[in-house]
């Protein structure tokens, strides 16, 4: 349970930054090298590297090296874990909204 919580903390902490969310959105569609990723932002290459390290620590991305280039791609396992966590709350709220809808429709 503690490992699961630490993992979720790392995942959601990583996703709290808009640049990291955008990087993740970009690499979901296709593998990109670090220079390609950095070209979309007005921050230094060192800053992009730090963002990538945070995403990698949270296991949201994987990096591989080919020659001198590093390629980044999404790692769906961590996203699945976050999705499972959030789904329990989605079910809770859907149930509450359904009960509210039922109550409101009784008055018609």
Protein backbone atom coordinates (compact mmCIF):
# COMPACT_ATOMS: atom_id res chain seq x y z
CA UNK A 1 0.00 0.00 0.00
CA UNK A 2 2.81 2.45 0.85
CA UNK A 3 4.56 1.74 -2.46
CA UNK A 4 1.27 2.26 -4.31
CA UNK A 5 0.76 5.62 -2.55
CA UNK A 6 4.33 6.74 -3.22
CA UNK A 7 3.91 5.82 -6.86
CA UNK A 8 0.66 7.79 -7.14
CA UNK A 9 2.27 10.76 -5.37
CA UNK A 10 5.08 10.68 -7.90
CA UNK A 11 2.68 10.36 -10.85
CA UNK A 12 0.37 13.19 -9.79
CA UNK A 13 3.30 15.36 -8.70
CA UNK A 14 4.82 14.94 -12.14
CA UNK A 15 1.55 15.86 -13.80
CA UNK A 16 1.21 19.04 -11.73
CA UNK A 17 3.47 20.96 -14.12
CA UNK A 18 2.00 22.19 -17.44
CA UNK A 19 5.23 21.61 -19.38
CA UNK A 20 5.44 18.01 -18.18
CA UNK A 21 1.79 17.41 -19.06
CA UNK A 22 2.42 18.83 -22.52
CA UNK A 23 5.56 16.71 -22.99
CA UNK A 24 3.55 13.64 -22.05
CA UNK A 25 0.79 14.63 -24.51
CA UNK A 26 3.37 14.93 -27.29
CA UNK A 27 5.14 11.61 -26.68
CA UNK A 28 1.85 9.72 -26.44
CA UNK A 29 1.46 10.18 -30.19
CA UNK A 30 5.00 9.27 -31.21
CA UNK A 31 8.48 8.72 -29.92
CA UNK A 32 10.50 11.95 -29.95
CA UNK A 33 14.12 12.82 -29.36
CA UNK A 34 14.98 15.36 -26.68
CA UNK A 35 15.81 18.10 -29.19
CA UNK A 36 12.40 17.67 -30.84
CA UNK A 37 10.72 17.95 -27.46
CA UNK A 38 12.76 21.01 -26.44
CA UNK A 39 11.94 22.84 -29.67
CA UNK A 40 8.36 23.33 -28.47
CA UNK A 41 9.28 25.29 -25.33
CA UNK A 42 11.02 28.55 -24.51
CA UNK A 43 13.07 27.03 -21.71
CA UNK A 44 16.62 25.70 -21.72
CA UNK A 45 17.57 22.20 -22.76
CA UNK A 46 18.71 21.67 -19.16
CA UNK A 47 15.20 22.54 -17.92
CA UNK A 48 13.65 20.07 -20.38
CA UNK A 49 16.11 17.44 -19.17
CA UNK A 50 14.97 18.02 -15.57
CA UNK A 51 11.33 17.71 -16.60
CA UNK A 52 12.12 14.45 -18.38
CA UNK A 53 13.92 13.07 -15.32
CA UNK A 54 10.86 13.78 -13.17
CA UNK A 55 8.58 12.07 -15.70
CA UNK A 56 10.98 9.13 -15.93
CA UNK A 57 11.19 8.77 -12.12
CA UNK A 58 7.39 8.62 -12.03
CA UNK A 59 7.62 5.94 -14.76
CA UNK A 60 5.42 8.00 -17.06
CA UNK A 61 8.02 7.91 -19.84
CA UNK A 62 10.88 5.72 -20.92
CA UNK A 63 14.08 6.88 -22.56
CA UNK A 64 16.26 4.90 -24.89
CA UNK A 65 19.54 5.80 -26.46
CA UNK A 66 20.43 5.35 -30.11
CA UNK A 67 23.94 6.58 -30.79
CA UNK A 68 24.18 10.05 -29.30
CA UNK A 69 20.44 10.67 -29.34
CA UNK A 70 17.98 9.96 -26.54
CA UNK A 71 14.43 9.06 -27.51
CA UNK A 72 11.41 9.45 -25.25
CA UNK A 73 8.15 7.55 -25.35
CA UNK A 74 5.19 7.21 -23.02
CA UNK A 75 5.04 4.36 -20.53
CA UNK A 76 1.35 3.45 -20.20
CA UNK A 77 1.62 1.36 -17.01
CA UNK A 78 1.84 4.38 -14.70
CA UNK A 79 -1.04 6.08 -16.49
CA UNK A 80 -3.11 2.94 -16.04
CA UNK A 81 -2.39 3.01 -12.31
CA UNK A 82 -3.49 6.65 -12.06
CA UNK A 83 -6.58 5.93 -14.16
CA UNK A 84 -7.59 3.05 -11.86
CA UNK A 85 -7.22 5.33 -8.85
CA UNK A 86 -9.33 8.08 -10.41
CA UNK A 87 -11.99 5.65 -11.66
CA UNK A 88 -13.02 4.81 -8.11
CA UNK A 89 -13.96 8.47 -7.64
CA UNK A 90 -15.66 8.64 -11.01
CA UNK A 91 -17.91 5.75 -9.98
CA UNK A 92 -18.67 7.51 -6.68
CA UNK A 93 -19.63 10.80 -8.35
CA UNK A 94 -21.61 9.11 -11.11
CA UNK A 95 -23.66 7.34 -8.45
CA UNK A 96 -24.29 10.60 -6.62
CA UNK A 97 -25.27 12.41 -9.82
CA UNK A 98 -27.62 9.57 -10.77
CA UNK A 99 -29.34 9.78 -7.36
CA UNK A 100 -29.63 13.56 -7.70
CA UNK A 101 -31.06 13.20 -11.19
CA UNK A 102 -33.62 10.71 -9.87
CA UNK A 103 -34.65 13.09 -7.08
CA UNK A 104 -34.95 16.03 -9.46
CA UNK A 105 -36.99 14.03 -11.98
CA UNK A 106 -39.49 12.90 -9.31
CA UNK A 107 -40.73 16.47 -9.04
CA UNK A 108 -41.73 16.67 -12.71
